[in-house]
Amino acid sequence: MITRRMLLELSLYAPVLSSLSNSVFADSKVNSAITYSDLIYLSPIKSDGNESSCQAEIWFVQKGHDMYVVTSTRSWRTRAVVKGLNRARVWVGNLGSWKSTDGKYKELPSLEVEASLVSDDTVIQEAIELFGDKYPLGWVVYESRFRKGLADGTRSMLRYSPLAS
């Protein structure tokens, strides 16, 4: 039975869902997970091809074919891109903190992506609006932190673009 609460929760995703209809991710499991998940798990790929031990779960938004995250400029995610480690593996889903999953997040749908720093103010503002649409309750707390951090350089926006399969 569909409840009023379920309808309300689903309505929060409407702006996001409408932007996902043209997804190019080849794997339907990845498509579905990206549509409904509020978290992704990230791990940079080291120069030897192995996953980094630096991993985390993080909020994301999707615009077109790309996923965007906002993170501390000092974070390993940002530092990896600055060092030229621009490949990453992304697992899509929400199992809570990666540390408490005993590696189960690695069973989620995944894809390899290319990471880059975003400096285009228009792209940043569009992505910021998507964060507000996707995370309306959390945005009450985090909007000012994201905006201030992006403005003063303590936060960075990263773009993760899918690599051809």
N, C-alpha and C. Protein backbone atom coordinates (compact mmCIF):
# COMPACT_ATOMS: atom_id res chain seq x y z
N MET A 1 0.84 -1.18 0.00
CA MET A 1 0.00 0.00 0.00
C MET A 1 0.89 1.25 0.00
N ILE A 2 0.58 2.15 -0.86
CA ILE A 2 1.32 3.40 -0.94
C ILE A 2 0.74 4.36 0.08
N THR A 3 1.59 4.86 0.95
CA THR A 3 1.14 5.78 1.98
C THR A 3 1.43 7.22 1.57
N ARG A 4 0.79 8.12 2.27
CA ARG A 4 1.03 9.54 2.02
C ARG A 4 2.50 9.90 2.26
N ARG A 5 3.08 9.28 3.29
CA ARG A 5 4.50 9.52 3.61
C ARG A 5 5.40 9.09 2.44
N MET A 6 5.09 7.92 1.85
CA MET A 6 5.89 7.43 0.72
C MET A 6 5.80 8.42 -0.45
N LEU A 7 4.61 8.91 -0.73
CA LEU A 7 4.44 9.87 -1.82
C LEU A 7 5.22 11.15 -1.55
N LEU A 8 5.18 11.61 -0.31
CA LEU A 8 5.93 12.82 0.05
C LEU A 8 7.42 12.60 -0.14
N GLU A 9 7.93 11.46 0.34
CA GLU A 9 9.35 11.17 0.19
C GLU A 9 9.74 11.07 -1.28
N LEU A 10 8.92 10.41 -2.08
CA LEU A 10 9.23 10.29 -3.51
C LEU A 10 9.18 11.64 -4.21
N SER A 11 8.27 12.52 -3.77
CA SER A 11 8.18 13.83 -4.41
C SER A 11 9.45 14.65 -4.22
N LEU A 12 10.19 14.38 -3.16
CA LEU A 12 11.45 15.09 -2.94
C LEU A 12 12.46 14.78 -4.02
N TYR A 13 12.31 13.61 -4.67
CA TYR A 13 13.26 13.20 -5.69
C TYR A 13 12.86 13.64 -7.10
N ALA A 14 11.69 14.22 -7.26
CA ALA A 14 11.19 14.56 -8.59
C ALA A 14 12.16 15.40 -9.41
N PRO A 15 12.73 16.48 -8.85
CA PRO A 15 13.67 17.27 -9.68
C PRO A 15 14.88 16.47 -10.12
N VAL A 16 15.33 15.60 -9.25
CA VAL A 16 16.51 14.79 -9.57
C VAL A 16 16.15 13.74 -10.60
N LEU A 17 15.03 13.07 -10.41
CA LEU A 17 14.63 12.00 -11.32
C LEU A 17 14.45 12.52 -12.74
N SER A 18 13.91 13.73 -12.87
CA SER A 18 13.71 14.25 -14.22
C SER A 18 15.03 14.48 -14.94
N SER A 19 16.09 14.76 -14.21
CA SER A 19 17.38 14.99 -14.86
C SER A 19 18.11 13.70 -15.17
N LEU A 20 17.59 12.57 -14.71
CA LEU A 20 18.29 11.31 -14.89
C LEU A 20 17.79 10.50 -16.08
N SER A 21 16.76 10.97 -16.74
CA SER A 21 16.15 10.15 -17.78
C SER A 21 17.08 9.87 -18.95
N ASN A 22 18.08 10.69 -19.15
CA ASN A 22 18.99 10.50 -20.28
C ASN A 22 20.33 9.91 -19.87
N SER A 23 20.33 9.16 -18.78
CA SER A 23 21.58 8.59 -18.28
C SER A 23 22.22 7.68 -19.31
N VAL A 24 23.55 7.73 -19.40
CA VAL A 24 24.27 6.92 -20.38
C VAL A 24 25.01 5.76 -19.74
N PHE A 25 24.79 5.54 -18.46
CA PHE A 25 25.49 4.44 -17.83
C PHE A 25 24.98 3.13 -18.40
N ALA A 26 25.89 2.34 -18.93
CA ALA A 26 25.52 1.13 -19.65
C ALA A 26 24.84 0.11 -18.75
N ASP A 27 25.23 0.01 -17.53
CA ASP A 27 24.72 -1.00 -16.61
C ASP A 27 23.40 -0.51 -15.99
N SER A 28 22.33 -1.26 -16.22
CA SER A 28 21.03 -0.84 -15.70
C SER A 28 21.01 -0.82 -14.17
N LYS A 29 21.83 -1.67 -13.54
CA LYS A 29 21.90 -1.64 -12.08
C LYS A 29 22.51 -0.33 -11.60
N VAL A 30 23.52 0.15 -12.31
CA VAL A 30 24.12 1.44 -11.96
C VAL A 30 23.11 2.55 -12.19
N ASN A 31 22.40 2.51 -13.33
CA ASN A 31 21.37 3.52 -13.61
C ASN A 31 20.35 3.59 -12.49
N SER A 32 19.83 2.44 -12.11
CA SER A 32 18.82 2.39 -11.07
C SER A 32 19.37 2.90 -9.75
N ALA A 33 20.57 2.48 -9.41
CA ALA A 33 21.17 2.91 -8.14
C ALA A 33 21.39 4.42 -8.12
N ILE A 34 21.88 4.98 -9.22
CA ILE A 34 22.11 6.42 -9.27
C ILE A 34 20.80 7.18 -9.13
N THR A 35 19.75 6.65 -9.70
CA THR A 35 18.45 7.30 -9.63
C THR A 35 17.94 7.40 -8.20
N TYR A 36 18.15 6.36 -7.40
CA TYR A 36 17.52 6.30 -6.08
C TYR A 36 18.46 6.50 -4.91
N SER A 37 19.74 6.44 -5.11
CA SER A 37 20.66 6.52 -3.97
C SER A 37 20.96 7.96 -3.58
N ASP A 38 21.17 8.14 -2.28
CA ASP A 38 21.60 9.45 -1.82
C ASP A 38 23.09 9.48 -1.49
N LEU A 39 23.78 8.36 -1.66
CA LEU A 39 25.22 8.29 -1.40
C LEU A 39 25.94 7.55 -2.51
N ILE A 40 27.22 7.91 -2.67
CA ILE A 40 28.14 7.09 -3.43
C ILE A 40 29.35 6.83 -2.55
N TYR A 41 30.04 5.76 -2.83
CA TYR A 41 31.30 5.43 -2.16
C TYR A 41 32.39 5.63 -3.20
N LEU A 42 33.47 6.27 -2.80
CA LEU A 42 34.54 6.63 -3.73
C LEU A 42 35.88 6.06 -3.29
N SER A 43 36.68 5.68 -4.28
CA SER A 43 38.07 5.32 -4.02
C SER A 43 38.90 5.74 -5.23
N PRO A 44 39.90 6.58 -5.04
CA PRO A 44 40.80 6.90 -6.15
C PRO A 44 41.52 5.64 -6.61
N ILE A 45 41.86 5.60 -7.88
CA ILE A 45 42.67 4.51 -8.43
C ILE A 45 44.11 5.01 -8.46
N LYS A 46 44.99 4.29 -7.80
CA LYS A 46 46.40 4.69 -7.74
C LYS A 46 47.06 4.46 -9.09
N SER A 47 48.26 4.99 -9.25
CA SER A 47 48.97 4.87 -10.53
C SER A 47 49.29 3.43 -10.88
N ASP A 48 49.31 2.52 -9.89
CA ASP A 48 49.56 1.10 -10.18
C ASP A 48 48.27 0.36 -10.55
N GLY A 49 47.13 1.08 -10.60
CA GLY A 49 45.87 0.47 -10.99
C GLY A 49 45.05 -0.07 -9.83
N ASN A 50 45.59 -0.06 -8.63
CA ASN A 50 44.86 -0.55 -7.46
C ASN A 50 44.06 0.58 -6.82
N GLU A 51 43.01 0.18 -6.10
CA GLU A 51 42.22 1.17 -5.37
C GLU A 51 43.04 1.70 -4.20
N SER A 52 42.87 2.97 -3.94
CA SER A 52 43.49 3.59 -2.78
C SER A 52 42.83 3.06 -1.51
N SER A 53 43.53 3.13 -0.41
CA SER A 53 42.91 2.77 0.86
C SER A 53 42.05 3.91 1.39
N CYS A 54 42.12 5.07 0.74
CA CYS A 54 41.29 6.21 1.11
C CYS A 54 39.93 6.04 0.44
N GLN A 55 38.93 5.79 1.24
CA GLN A 55 37.59 5.57 0.72
C GLN A 55 36.60 6.29 1.61
N ALA A 56 35.46 6.62 1.07
CA ALA A 56 34.44 7.31 1.87
C ALA A 56 33.11 7.28 1.16
N GLU A 57 32.07 7.49 1.95
CA GLU A 57 30.74 7.70 1.40
C GLU A 57 30.52 9.21 1.36
N ILE A 58 29.77 9.66 0.35
CA ILE A 58 29.60 11.11 0.19
C ILE A 58 28.32 11.41 -0.59
N TRP A 59 27.72 12.56 -0.28
CA TRP A 59 26.59 13.04 -1.06
C TRP A 59 27.05 13.33 -2.49
N PHE A 60 26.13 13.21 -3.43
CA PHE A 60 26.43 13.52 -4.82
C PHE A 60 25.18 14.00 -5.52
N VAL A 61 25.37 14.69 -6.62
CA VAL A 61 24.27 15.00 -7.53
C VAL A 61 24.72 14.62 -8.93
N GLN A 62 23.74 14.39 -9.77
CA GLN A 62 24.04 14.07 -11.16
C GLN A 62 23.48 15.17 -12.04
N LYS A 63 24.29 15.59 -13.00
CA LYS A 63 23.86 16.57 -14.01
C LYS A 63 24.35 16.02 -15.34
N GLY A 64 23.41 15.69 -16.20
CA GLY A 64 23.79 15.05 -17.45
C GLY A 64 24.41 13.70 -17.13
N HIS A 65 25.59 13.46 -17.66
CA HIS A 65 26.26 12.18 -17.45
C HIS A 65 27.24 12.20 -16.29
N ASP A 66 27.40 13.35 -15.67
CA ASP A 66 28.43 13.52 -14.65
C ASP A 66 27.83 13.54 -13.24
N MET A 67 28.64 13.10 -12.29
CA MET A 67 28.29 13.20 -10.87
C MET A 67 29.19 14.25 -10.25
N TYR A 68 28.64 15.01 -9.30
CA TYR A 68 29.38 16.07 -8.64
C TYR A 68 29.35 15.86 -7.14
N VAL A 69 30.48 16.15 -6.49
CA VAL A 69 30.56 16.13 -5.03
C VAL A 69 31.23 17.42 -4.59
N VAL A 70 30.96 17.81 -3.36
CA VAL A 70 31.64 18.94 -2.74
C VAL A 70 32.37 18.39 -1.53
N THR A 71 33.64 18.72 -1.41
CA THR A 71 34.47 18.15 -0.36
C THR A 71 35.53 19.16 0.07
N SER A 72 36.13 18.90 1.20
CA SER A 72 37.20 19.77 1.67
C SER A 72 38.33 19.81 0.65
N THR A 73 38.90 20.97 0.45
CA THR A 73 40.02 21.12 -0.46
C THR A 73 41.22 20.31 0.04
N ARG A 74 41.28 20.05 1.34
CA ARG A 74 42.37 19.26 1.92
C ARG A 74 42.09 17.76 1.90
N SER A 75 40.91 17.36 1.48
CA SER A 75 40.55 15.93 1.50
C SER A 75 41.39 15.14 0.50
N TRP A 76 41.48 13.86 0.75
CA TRP A 76 42.22 12.98 -0.17
C TRP A 76 41.58 12.97 -1.55
N ARG A 77 40.25 13.17 -1.62
CA ARG A 77 39.58 13.18 -2.93
C ARG A 77 40.14 14.31 -3.79
N THR A 78 40.23 15.49 -3.19
CA THR A 78 40.75 16.64 -3.92
C THR A 78 42.25 16.49 -4.17
N ARG A 79 42.99 16.09 -3.16
CA ARG A 79 44.44 15.96 -3.31
C ARG A 79 44.80 14.94 -4.39
N ALA A 80 44.02 13.86 -4.49
CA ALA A 80 44.30 12.84 -5.52
C ALA A 80 44.20 13.46 -6.91
N VAL A 81 43.15 14.24 -7.15
CA VAL A 81 42.97 14.87 -8.46
C VAL A 81 44.10 15.85 -8.74
N VAL A 82 44.46 16.65 -7.75
CA VAL A 82 45.55 17.62 -7.91
C VAL A 82 46.86 16.90 -8.25
N LYS A 83 47.07 15.72 -7.67
CA LYS A 83 48.29 14.94 -7.94
C LYS A 83 48.25 14.20 -9.27
N GLY A 84 47.14 14.31 -9.99
CA GLY A 84 47.03 13.65 -11.28
C GLY A 84 46.41 12.26 -11.22
N LEU A 85 45.96 11.86 -10.04
CA LEU A 85 45.26 10.57 -9.92
C LEU A 85 43.79 10.84 -10.22
N ASN A 86 43.47 10.90 -11.49
CA ASN A 86 42.14 11.35 -11.90
C ASN A 86 41.18 10.21 -12.23
N ARG A 87 41.55 8.98 -11.90
CA ARG A 87 40.61 7.87 -12.06
C ARG A 87 40.14 7.43 -10.69
N ALA A 88 38.89 7.03 -10.63
CA ALA A 88 38.32 6.59 -9.36
C ALA A 88 37.30 5.49 -9.63
N ARG A 89 37.00 4.74 -8.61
CA ARG A 89 35.92 3.77 -8.66
C ARG A 89 34.81 4.29 -7.76
N VAL A 90 33.60 4.20 -8.26
CA VAL A 90 32.42 4.66 -7.54
C VAL A 90 31.47 3.48 -7.37
N TRP A 91 31.00 3.28 -6.15
CA TRP A 91 29.95 2.30 -5.87
C TRP A 91 28.72 3.11 -5.49
N VAL A 92 27.57 2.73 -6.01
CA VAL A 92 26.36 3.52 -5.81
C VAL A 92 25.38 2.77 -4.92
N GLY A 93 24.98 3.41 -3.84
CA GLY A 93 24.03 2.84 -2.90
C GLY A 93 24.25 3.46 -1.54
N ASN A 94 23.47 3.03 -0.57
CA ASN A 94 23.61 3.58 0.77
C ASN A 94 23.58 2.46 1.79
N LEU A 95 24.74 2.14 2.30
CA LEU A 95 24.86 1.14 3.37
C LEU A 95 25.37 1.79 4.65
N GLY A 96 25.37 3.12 4.69
CA GLY A 96 25.90 3.83 5.85
C GLY A 96 27.39 4.04 5.70
N SER A 97 28.03 4.28 6.81
CA SER A 97 29.48 4.53 6.82
C SER A 97 30.22 3.35 6.22
N TRP A 98 31.16 3.64 5.32
CA TRP A 98 31.89 2.56 4.64
C TRP A 98 32.64 1.70 5.64
N LYS A 99 33.09 2.30 6.73
CA LYS A 99 33.86 1.55 7.73
C LYS A 99 33.01 0.48 8.41
N SER A 100 31.72 0.73 8.53
CA SER A 100 30.85 -0.22 9.23
C SER A 100 30.25 -1.27 8.29
N THR A 101 30.59 -1.22 7.00
CA THR A 101 29.98 -2.17 6.06
C THR A 101 30.79 -3.45 5.88
N ASP A 102 31.97 -3.52 6.48
CA ASP A 102 32.85 -4.68 6.29
C ASP A 102 33.09 -4.96 4.81
N GLY A 103 33.20 -3.90 4.03
CA GLY A 103 33.47 -4.05 2.60
C GLY A 103 32.26 -4.38 1.75
N LYS A 104 31.07 -4.47 2.35
CA LYS A 104 29.87 -4.83 1.58
C LYS A 104 29.51 -3.79 0.53
N TYR A 105 29.93 -2.55 0.74
CA TYR A 105 29.64 -1.53 -0.28
C TYR A 105 30.28 -1.89 -1.61
N LYS A 106 31.32 -2.72 -1.59
CA LYS A 106 31.97 -3.12 -2.84
C LYS A 106 31.12 -4.12 -3.64
N GLU A 107 30.00 -4.56 -3.07
CA GLU A 107 29.06 -5.41 -3.79
C GLU A 107 27.99 -4.58 -4.49
N LEU A 108 27.97 -3.28 -4.24
CA LEU A 108 27.00 -2.39 -4.88
C LEU A 108 27.35 -2.19 -6.35
N PRO A 109 26.39 -1.75 -7.16
CA PRO A 109 26.71 -1.42 -8.56
C PRO A 109 27.84 -0.40 -8.60
N SER A 110 28.76 -0.58 -9.54
CA SER A 110 29.93 0.30 -9.57
C SER A 110 30.30 0.69 -10.99
N LEU A 111 31.14 1.70 -11.09
CA LEU A 111 31.67 2.13 -12.36
C LEU A 111 32.98 2.87 -12.13
N GLU A 112 33.80 2.89 -13.18
CA GLU A 112 35.03 3.67 -13.13
C GLU A 112 34.76 5.03 -13.75
N VAL A 113 35.35 6.05 -13.14
CA VAL A 113 35.09 7.42 -13.55
C VAL A 113 36.40 8.19 -13.66
N GLU A 114 36.33 9.29 -14.37
CA GLU A 114 37.44 10.23 -14.42
C GLU A 114 37.07 11.43 -13.56
N ALA A 115 37.96 11.82 -12.67
CA ALA A 115 37.71 12.92 -11.75
C ALA A 115 38.39 14.19 -12.25
N SER A 116 37.73 15.32 -12.01
CA SER A 116 38.33 16.61 -12.34
C SER A 116 37.79 17.67 -11.39
N LEU A 117 38.59 18.70 -11.17
CA LEU A 117 38.16 19.85 -10.38
C LEU A 117 37.24 20.72 -11.22
N VAL A 118 36.21 21.26 -10.61
CA VAL A 118 35.27 22.13 -11.32
C VAL A 118 35.59 23.57 -10.94
N SER A 119 35.81 24.41 -11.95
CA SER A 119 36.08 25.83 -11.69
C SER A 119 35.07 26.75 -12.36
N ASP A 120 34.23 26.20 -13.23
CA ASP A 120 33.23 26.99 -13.94
C ASP A 120 32.11 27.39 -12.96
N ASP A 121 31.97 28.69 -12.71
CA ASP A 121 30.98 29.17 -11.74
C ASP A 121 29.55 28.78 -12.10
N THR A 122 29.24 28.74 -13.39
CA THR A 122 27.89 28.36 -13.81
C THR A 122 27.61 26.91 -13.45
N VAL A 123 28.55 26.03 -13.72
CA VAL A 123 28.40 24.61 -13.38
C VAL A 123 28.28 24.44 -11.87
N ILE A 124 29.11 25.16 -11.13
CA ILE A 124 29.07 25.08 -9.66
C ILE A 124 27.70 25.50 -9.15
N GLN A 125 27.18 26.62 -9.63
CA GLN A 125 25.88 27.10 -9.16
C GLN A 125 24.75 26.13 -9.53
N GLU A 126 24.80 25.57 -10.74
CA GLU A 126 23.78 24.59 -11.14
C GLU A 126 23.83 23.36 -10.26
N ALA A 127 25.04 22.87 -9.98
CA ALA A 127 25.17 21.69 -9.12
C ALA A 127 24.72 21.99 -7.70
N ILE A 128 25.05 23.17 -7.19
CA ILE A 128 24.64 23.56 -5.84
C ILE A 128 23.12 23.54 -5.73
N GLU A 129 22.44 24.04 -6.75
CA GLU A 129 20.97 24.01 -6.74
C GLU A 129 20.46 22.57 -6.71
N LEU A 130 21.12 21.67 -7.43
CA LEU A 130 20.72 20.26 -7.42
C LEU A 130 20.91 19.64 -6.04
N PHE A 131 21.98 20.02 -5.35
CA PHE A 131 22.17 19.51 -3.98
C PHE A 131 20.98 19.93 -3.11
N GLY A 132 20.56 21.17 -3.23
CA GLY A 132 19.42 21.65 -2.45
C GLY A 132 18.14 20.89 -2.76
N ASP A 133 17.95 20.55 -4.04
CA ASP A 133 16.77 19.78 -4.43
C ASP A 133 16.84 18.35 -3.91
N LYS A 134 18.01 17.76 -3.96
CA LYS A 134 18.16 16.35 -3.61
C LYS A 134 18.19 16.11 -2.10
N TYR A 135 18.75 17.04 -1.35
CA TYR A 135 18.92 16.88 0.10
C TYR A 135 18.26 18.03 0.85
N PRO A 136 16.94 18.19 0.72
CA PRO A 136 16.29 19.39 1.29
C PRO A 136 16.47 19.53 2.81
N LEU A 137 16.43 18.45 3.53
CA LEU A 137 16.59 18.56 4.99
C LEU A 137 18.03 18.84 5.37
N GLY A 138 18.96 18.11 4.81
CA GLY A 138 20.38 18.33 5.10
C GLY A 138 20.86 19.67 4.61
N TRP A 139 20.20 20.18 3.58
CA TRP A 139 20.63 21.43 2.98
C TRP A 139 20.44 22.61 3.92
N VAL A 140 19.51 22.48 4.86
CA VAL A 140 19.30 23.52 5.86
C VAL A 140 20.61 23.79 6.60
N VAL A 141 21.36 22.74 6.88
CA VAL A 141 22.64 22.87 7.59
C VAL A 141 23.80 23.11 6.63
N TYR A 142 23.83 22.37 5.51
CA TYR A 142 25.03 22.35 4.68
C TYR A 142 25.10 23.39 3.57
N GLU A 143 23.98 24.00 3.21
CA GLU A 143 24.03 24.96 2.11
C GLU A 143 25.05 26.07 2.37
N SER A 144 24.97 26.69 3.53
CA SER A 144 25.89 27.80 3.81
C SER A 144 27.33 27.31 3.89
N ARG A 145 27.54 26.11 4.42
CA ARG A 145 28.90 25.55 4.49
C ARG A 145 29.46 25.31 3.09
N PHE A 146 28.64 24.72 2.21
CA PHE A 146 29.09 24.46 0.85
C PHE A 146 29.39 25.77 0.12
N ARG A 147 28.44 26.70 0.17
CA ARG A 147 28.61 27.96 -0.57
C ARG A 147 29.81 28.75 -0.04
N LYS A 148 29.91 28.89 1.27
CA LYS A 148 31.03 29.64 1.86
C LYS A 148 32.35 28.96 1.54
N GLY A 149 32.41 27.64 1.70
CA GLY A 149 33.65 26.91 1.44
C GLY A 149 34.08 26.99 -0.02
N LEU A 150 33.12 26.90 -0.93
CA LEU A 150 33.46 27.02 -2.35
C LEU A 150 33.94 28.44 -2.67
N ALA A 151 33.36 29.43 -2.01
CA ALA A 151 33.76 30.82 -2.25
C ALA A 151 35.14 31.13 -1.68
N ASP A 152 35.44 30.58 -0.48
CA ASP A 152 36.73 30.93 0.14
C ASP A 152 37.84 29.92 -0.14
N GLY A 153 37.52 28.86 -0.90
CA GLY A 153 38.54 27.90 -1.29
C GLY A 153 38.79 26.76 -0.32
N THR A 154 38.03 26.70 0.78
CA THR A 154 38.22 25.59 1.72
C THR A 154 37.48 24.33 1.27
N ARG A 155 36.58 24.48 0.30
CA ARG A 155 35.90 23.34 -0.30
C ARG A 155 36.10 23.38 -1.81
N SER A 156 36.08 22.20 -2.40
CA SER A 156 36.21 22.06 -3.85
C SER A 156 35.05 21.24 -4.38
N MET A 157 34.68 21.52 -5.62
CA MET A 157 33.70 20.68 -6.29
C MET A 157 34.46 19.79 -7.26
N LEU A 158 34.13 18.51 -7.22
CA LEU A 158 34.74 17.54 -8.12
C LEU A 158 33.69 16.97 -9.04
N ARG A 159 34.06 16.76 -10.29
CA ARG A 159 33.20 16.13 -11.29
C ARG A 159 33.73 14.72 -11.52
N TYR A 160 32.83 13.75 -11.53
CA TYR A 160 33.17 12.37 -11.85
C TYR A 160 32.41 11.98 -13.11
N SER A 161 33.16 11.78 -14.19
CA SER A 161 32.57 11.45 -15.49
C SER A 161 32.81 9.98 -15.79
N PRO A 162 31.77 9.26 -16.23
CA PRO A 162 31.94 7.83 -16.50
C PRO A 162 32.94 7.58 -17.62
N LEU A 163 33.77 6.58 -17.42
CA LEU A 163 34.69 6.14 -18.47
C LEU A 163 33.95 5.17 -19.38
N ALA A 164 34.29 5.15 -20.64
CA ALA A 164 33.66 4.22 -21.58
C ALA A 164 33.91 2.80 -21.12
N SER A 165 32.85 1.97 -21.19
CA SER A 165 33.03 0.58 -20.74
C SER A 165 33.64 -0.28 -21.81
